[in-house]
Protein backbone atom coordinates (compact mmCIF):
# COMPACT_ATOMS: atom_id res chain seq x y z
CA MET A 1 0.11 -0.47 0.29
CA ASN A 2 2.98 2.45 0.85
CA ILE A 3 4.41 1.40 -2.82
CA CYS A 4 1.28 2.37 -3.64
CA ARG A 5 0.87 5.85 -2.56
CA TRP A 6 4.23 6.36 -3.32
CA LEU A 7 3.70 5.52 -6.81
CA ALA A 8 0.85 7.89 -7.03
CA ALA A 9 2.35 11.25 -4.88
CA MET A 10 5.36 10.87 -7.74
CA ALA A 11 2.94 10.83 -10.64
CA CYS A 12 1.77 13.76 -9.32
CA VAL A 13 5.06 15.29 -8.93
CA ILE A 14 6.17 14.94 -12.37
CA ALA A 15 2.88 15.13 -14.41
CA LEU A 16 2.15 18.64 -12.52
CA PRO A 17 5.31 21.01 -13.67
CA ALA A 18 3.88 19.35 -17.41
CA VAL A 19 0.44 20.70 -16.77
CA ALA A 20 2.02 24.17 -16.09
CA ALA A 21 4.32 24.40 -18.58
CA ALA A 22 1.69 23.28 -21.21
CA GLN A 23 -0.84 25.79 -19.96
CA GLN A 24 1.74 28.88 -19.72
CA THR A 25 2.78 28.34 -23.33
CA SER A 26 -1.19 27.69 -24.81
CA ALA A 27 -1.49 30.74 -27.23
CA PRO A 28 -3.79 33.46 -26.24
CA PRO A 29 -7.55 33.79 -27.47
CA SER A 30 -7.01 36.55 -30.57
CA PRO A 31 -8.30 39.27 -29.87
CA TYR A 32 -8.62 39.98 -34.59
CA PRO A 33 -12.10 39.10 -36.21
CA TYR A 34 -9.72 36.72 -37.50
CA PRO A 35 -6.85 34.07 -36.26
CA ILE A 36 -4.62 35.24 -39.34
CA GLU A 37 -1.26 37.58 -38.92
CA SER A 38 -0.79 40.35 -40.85
CA HIS A 39 2.10 39.24 -43.66
CA TRP A 40 3.54 40.86 -46.64
CA LEU A 41 2.56 39.20 -50.55
CA ALA A 42 4.33 39.14 -53.68
CA SER A 43 3.55 37.75 -56.79
CA GLY A 44 3.68 37.83 -60.93
CA SER A 45 1.22 36.13 -63.37
CA LEU A 46 0.49 36.47 -67.00
CA GLY A 47 -3.10 37.75 -68.90
CA SER A 48 -4.91 39.47 -70.86
CA ASP A 49 -5.51 43.68 -71.71
CA PHE A 50 -9.43 43.28 -73.37
CA ALA A 51 -12.74 46.31 -74.03
CA ASN A 52 -12.20 49.65 -74.51
CA ASP A 53 -9.20 50.93 -76.36
CA SER A 54 -7.89 47.15 -76.09
CA ALA A 55 -8.69 45.23 -79.31
CA ASP A 56 -7.74 41.59 -79.72
CA PRO A 57 -6.90 40.74 -76.25
CA GLY A 58 -2.61 40.81 -76.53
CA VAL A 59 -0.66 39.22 -73.76
CA ASN A 60 0.29 40.89 -70.58
CA PHE A 61 2.87 40.51 -67.47
CA ALA A 62 2.24 41.47 -63.43
CA GLY A 63 3.88 41.90 -60.98
CA THR A 64 2.38 42.90 -57.32
CA PHE A 65 3.48 43.68 -54.24
CA GLY A 66 2.41 44.60 -50.99
CA TRP A 67 1.28 44.36 -47.04
CA LEU A 68 -1.40 43.29 -45.77
CA TRP A 69 -2.73 43.96 -41.65
CA HIS A 70 -4.09 40.59 -40.01
CA GLY A 71 -5.39 39.91 -43.99
CA VAL A 72 -7.75 42.41 -43.88
CA ALA A 73 -6.90 45.57 -44.90
CA GLY A 74 -3.44 46.89 -46.38
CA GLY A 75 -1.74 47.92 -49.40
CA GLU A 76 0.21 47.47 -52.98
CA PHE A 77 2.11 48.72 -55.78
CA GLN A 78 1.13 46.62 -59.18
CA ALA A 79 3.05 46.80 -61.48
CA ASN A 80 2.14 45.61 -65.20
CA PHE A 81 3.71 45.79 -68.55
CA SER A 82 2.13 45.12 -72.38
CA PRO A 83 4.86 44.95 -75.11
CA ASN A 84 2.39 45.00 -78.17
CA PHE A 85 -0.84 46.46 -76.71
CA ASN A 86 -4.32 45.86 -79.62
CA LEU A 87 -5.27 49.36 -79.67
CA ASN A 88 -8.95 49.65 -81.41
CA PRO A 89 -8.60 50.22 -84.86
CA ALA A 90 -10.33 53.62 -83.87
CA PHE A 91 -8.14 55.04 -81.72
CA VAL A 92 -4.36 54.29 -83.78
CA PRO A 93 -3.82 56.78 -85.52
CA PRO A 94 -2.24 56.53 -89.39
CA PHE A 95 1.40 57.70 -87.91
CA LEU A 96 2.16 54.55 -85.25
CA ALA A 97 3.97 51.89 -86.73
CA GLN A 98 3.44 49.08 -85.42
CA GLU A 99 1.53 48.47 -82.11
CA PRO A 100 2.73 49.95 -78.67
CA VAL A 101 4.37 49.48 -75.59
CA ILE A 102 2.01 50.48 -72.65
CA ASN A 103 2.87 49.93 -68.75
CA SER A 104 0.98 51.13 -66.00
CA TYR A 105 2.00 51.45 -62.37
CA MET A 106 -0.78 51.33 -60.07
CA LEU A 107 -0.41 52.47 -55.83
CA ASN A 108 -3.43 51.04 -54.26
CA VAL A 109 -5.14 50.21 -51.09
CA MET A 110 -6.61 46.88 -50.57
CA ALA A 111 -8.98 45.79 -47.94
CA ALA A 112 -9.26 41.45 -48.19
CA ALA A 113 -11.92 38.98 -46.59
CA PRO A 114 -9.53 36.39 -45.21
CA LEU A 115 -11.33 32.15 -44.67
CA MET A 116 -10.76 28.88 -43.22
CA ALA A 117 -8.78 29.20 -40.47
CA SER A 118 -5.48 30.48 -41.79
CA GLY A 119 -6.86 32.46 -43.92
CA GLN A 120 -5.70 30.07 -47.07
CA PHE A 121 -9.14 31.79 -48.81
CA GLN A 122 -8.65 35.35 -49.79
CA PRO A 123 -11.49 37.26 -51.96
CA TYR A 124 -10.23 40.86 -51.67
CA ALA A 125 -10.63 44.16 -53.46
CA SER A 126 -7.90 47.27 -54.28
CA GLY A 127 -7.77 50.40 -56.30
CA GLY A 128 -5.63 53.40 -57.06
CA PRO A 129 -4.16 56.12 -58.49
CA GLY A 130 -0.41 55.32 -60.55
CA TRP A 131 0.24 56.04 -63.97
CA PHE A 132 0.81 54.79 -67.35
CA THR A 133 3.85 55.28 -69.83
CA LEU A 134 3.87 54.76 -73.90
CA ARG A 135 6.51 54.07 -75.87
CA GLY A 136 5.55 53.69 -79.62
CA THR A 137 7.27 53.92 -82.79
CA PRO A 138 6.20 56.26 -85.86
CA THR A 139 5.61 55.81 -89.75
CA ALA A 140 8.32 56.37 -91.96
CA GLY A 141 7.67 59.97 -93.01
CA ASP A 142 6.44 61.25 -89.56
CA SER A 143 9.92 61.13 -87.30
CA GLY A 144 8.86 64.52 -86.19
CA VAL A 145 5.74 62.18 -84.09
CA ASN A 146 6.75 61.37 -80.23
CA PHE A 147 4.96 58.50 -79.17
CA ASP A 148 6.99 57.97 -76.05
CA LYS A 149 4.22 59.28 -73.01
CA THR A 150 3.64 59.35 -69.80
CA ASP A 151 -0.14 60.49 -68.44
CA THR A 152 -1.18 60.04 -64.90
CA GLY A 153 -4.41 58.06 -64.01
CA TRP A 154 -6.20 55.20 -61.38
CA ASN A 155 -7.19 51.68 -61.36
CA ALA A 156 -10.30 49.34 -59.30
CA GLY A 157 -10.37 45.58 -59.17
CA PHE A 158 -11.24 42.91 -57.51
CA GLY A 159 -10.01 38.93 -57.25
CA VAL A 160 -9.58 36.64 -54.98
CA MET A 161 -6.05 34.78 -53.60
CA GLY A 162 -5.92 30.75 -52.07
CA PHE A 163 -3.22 29.48 -50.58
CA LEU A 164 -1.87 25.90 -49.02
CA GLY A 165 0.57 27.39 -46.53
CA GLN A 166 2.72 29.85 -47.72
CA LEU A 167 1.91 29.82 -51.71
CA GLY A 168 -0.80 30.59 -53.64
CA VAL A 169 -2.46 31.24 -56.51
CA ARG A 170 -3.42 34.85 -57.28
CA ALA A 171 -6.52 35.85 -60.18
CA ASP A 172 -7.44 38.79 -60.55
CA LEU A 173 -9.81 41.29 -62.91
CA ARG A 174 -9.15 44.43 -63.21
CA TYR A 175 -10.55 48.36 -64.96
CA PHE A 176 -7.98 50.91 -66.14
CA LYS A 177 -8.80 54.27 -66.64
CA VAL A 178 -6.03 57.01 -68.50
CA SER A 179 -6.72 60.76 -67.75
CA GLY A 180 -7.35 62.95 -69.59
CA ASP A 181 -9.29 63.27 -72.95
CA GLU A 182 -9.47 60.61 -75.67
CA PHE A 183 -6.52 60.94 -78.10
CA THR A 184 -5.12 64.88 -77.53
CA VAL A 185 -1.93 66.93 -79.83
CA ASP A 186 -0.37 69.68 -79.43
CA ASN A 187 -2.13 73.22 -80.69
CA SER A 188 0.33 73.31 -83.16
CA VAL A 189 -0.47 70.26 -85.34
CA LEU A 190 -2.97 71.26 -88.47
CA ARG A 191 -4.52 67.67 -88.49
CA SER A 192 -8.09 66.50 -88.06
CA ASN A 193 -10.31 63.60 -88.38
CA TRP A 194 -7.23 61.04 -86.48
CA GLY A 195 -4.54 62.30 -88.40
CA ALA A 196 -5.80 63.16 -92.11
CA VAL A 197 -3.34 66.42 -93.59
CA ILE A 198 -4.74 69.39 -94.16
CA ASP A 199 -1.73 71.68 -94.15
CA ASP A 200 1.37 70.61 -96.91
CA ARG A 201 3.87 72.41 -94.23
CA GLU A 202 5.86 69.90 -92.49
CA GLN A 203 4.33 69.80 -88.57
CA SER A 204 6.07 68.60 -85.20
CA VAL A 205 3.34 65.53 -84.92
CA ASN A 206 3.48 65.18 -80.37
CA ALA A 207 0.06 62.90 -80.45
CA ASN A 208 -0.71 61.28 -77.10
CA VAL A 209 -2.79 58.61 -77.83
CA ILE A 210 -2.64 56.85 -73.94
CA SER A 211 -4.63 60.29 -72.66
CA GLY A 212 -7.91 58.89 -72.40
CA MET A 213 -7.99 55.88 -72.96
CA SER A 214 -9.75 53.18 -70.86
CA PHE A 215 -8.96 49.20 -70.97
CA TRP A 216 -9.53 45.85 -68.87
CA ARG A 217 -7.31 43.02 -67.86
CA GLY A 218 -7.48 40.13 -66.02
CA ASN A 219 -4.51 38.01 -65.01
CA VAL A 220 -3.85 34.98 -63.54
CA GLY A 221 -0.55 33.90 -61.48
CA VAL A 222 1.50 33.16 -58.50
CA ALA A 223 1.03 34.03 -55.08
CA LEU A 224 3.38 34.80 -52.10
CA ARG A 225 2.86 35.45 -48.85
CA TRP A 226 5.29 35.72 -45.27
């Protein structure tokens, strides 16, 4: 009987520190509405420009880098590259030799809804201001045309991210709008009707074909969070 009592006492002595340690290491309940930590985000994707001032869908490459507070709200920088933007023929000046390069750089505010235990599924919406650049080649005989342009604008869109651990996928649909009126030229240019020459004198044409343009863009790619 004494041996049994001694063994029971020893078991209590051994078990109590373990129980106390377990209680000390137990994570306190999260004070936030979602059990997810704040984290950084990065993604790379492939997609297409379409609709509005874009004719046939053209290839687009996109990259993003951002931060989300507990997976709920934050911001991101988004860069998009379209090496051969297919402009709608109705908006292409006759002195543009080929499809231009149109890139965009956006600073977006982002809101998300992390679902599941660790926020593996994250629908989101984002938007904000930024700037657009155009690089184009003029036709022969129109060397005075300057197709290197930069203009401001904005974007807004939504999408979804899904993760297995840190690695996941991201799908995004977005609308882009460039500031200003569509296709403006400087006051010294004596041209009308999208480039029809109404004066025989040599003129230095400065056409801003991205001013006022708009288009949609869809992308799908890989995402990383940490």
